[in-house]
Amino acid sequence: MKDKINELKKEFEVKVNEIKTMKELNDLKTLYLGKKGPVAELSSMMRELSVEEKKEFGSLLNGLKQELNLSINNVRARLEEEELNRRLESEKIDITLPSTKVNFGSVHPLTKVIDEIEELFISMGYDVVEGPEVETDMYNFEKLNLPKGHPARDAQDSFYITEELLLRTQTSPVQARVMDANTEKSSIRVICPGKVYRRDDDDATHSHQFTQIEGLVIDKDISLAHLKGTLEVFAKKLFGEDREIRLRPSFFPFTEPSLEVDVSCSKCGGSGCPVCKGTGWIEILGSGMVHPNVLRNCGYDPEVYTGFAFGIGPERVAMLKYGISDIRAFYTNDMRFLNDFNRVEGSDK
């Protein structure tokens, strides 16, 4: 038995030293250590041996297996190293070759403005809440003091899917959903960003799809002074510390009183120029005190709670902030527009 093991070992050493490829190595391993190989045959012969002979032969056989596996592993390591060296040689990089320009993406100006507005209001204690873009007539209009047949519905010419479902025309329904969901009827401080849809002819200043960020504050003893202070912080943060705001009376069905908000022109400083059409002021958003009917429709007692709301158009803010003249540029996916914006931002990419 011992002679057979030694003979098998010498035979294997000759063959393993002739191995040139990994396939040859795997085939050799299968040939000698496989289920039908000579090592397996030697193992089957142990049935014919006595107990003492089995101990001695078993020890020799285990030693043989270990030596064969060690030889195989050594050859595998050698082959892998040779393959690695060949790859390193063939894939060598010529550092004298000119580099290839890599095009980098950039943050879309509209995304940048939305993020900036969200960060500002989060720092003021607001929560960011989102809602469905396919909305019910109840939340999009009726909860917001716009019952069926109300003439103000025409001004928001809507994309209806069914008689009771439509693409939302504003993010105000998210505010109504927040008020409804607040079963404790406690204070609320949220902003609601998202896409909205209205039937409109697309041109340089209008789009059938655009974004809104609406804000809502509900609490006891909320007044116009709180609204004005909030909007002043917003205007100075987005347009510069030297900017001022102006409030003008307006009308929105869901607020009373309602206010249009202007910011002093950053181009002329308020003296009048083509950008502000000679007025020194640029309209930036609508706002007002939450209408008592809206509070009542959402379960709040208008005798106890008051609140204010405002609606910001991020496209308009971005156009004013970065001097963008055509709202369609936000949606055409033109890389030249993004590259121009990168240069405005001083990017080195």
Foldseek 3Di string as FASTA:
>chain_A
DLVVLVVVLVVLVVLLVVDDDPVSLVVSCCQDVNCPHPLVVLVVVLVVDDPVVNVVSVVSSVVSVVVSVVSSVVSVVVNVVVVVVVCCVVVPDDPVDDDDDDDDFDDQLLNVLVVLLVVVLVVVVAAEDEDDQWDFCCLLAVLLQHDPPRPVVVVQAFAAPDPTITGRSARNSRVLVVLLVPPVNAWHWYKYKDKGAGDDDFDQPDDRIFMKIKIKTKHFPDDVVVVLVVVLSVCCSLAHVLKDKDWDFDDDSFAPRKTWIWIFQPVVRQCADVVCNGGRIDTFWIKHKGDCSSCVSSPHHPVGMIMMMIMGGSLVSSCRRQVRRGSCVSPPPDVVVSVVVCVSVVHPD
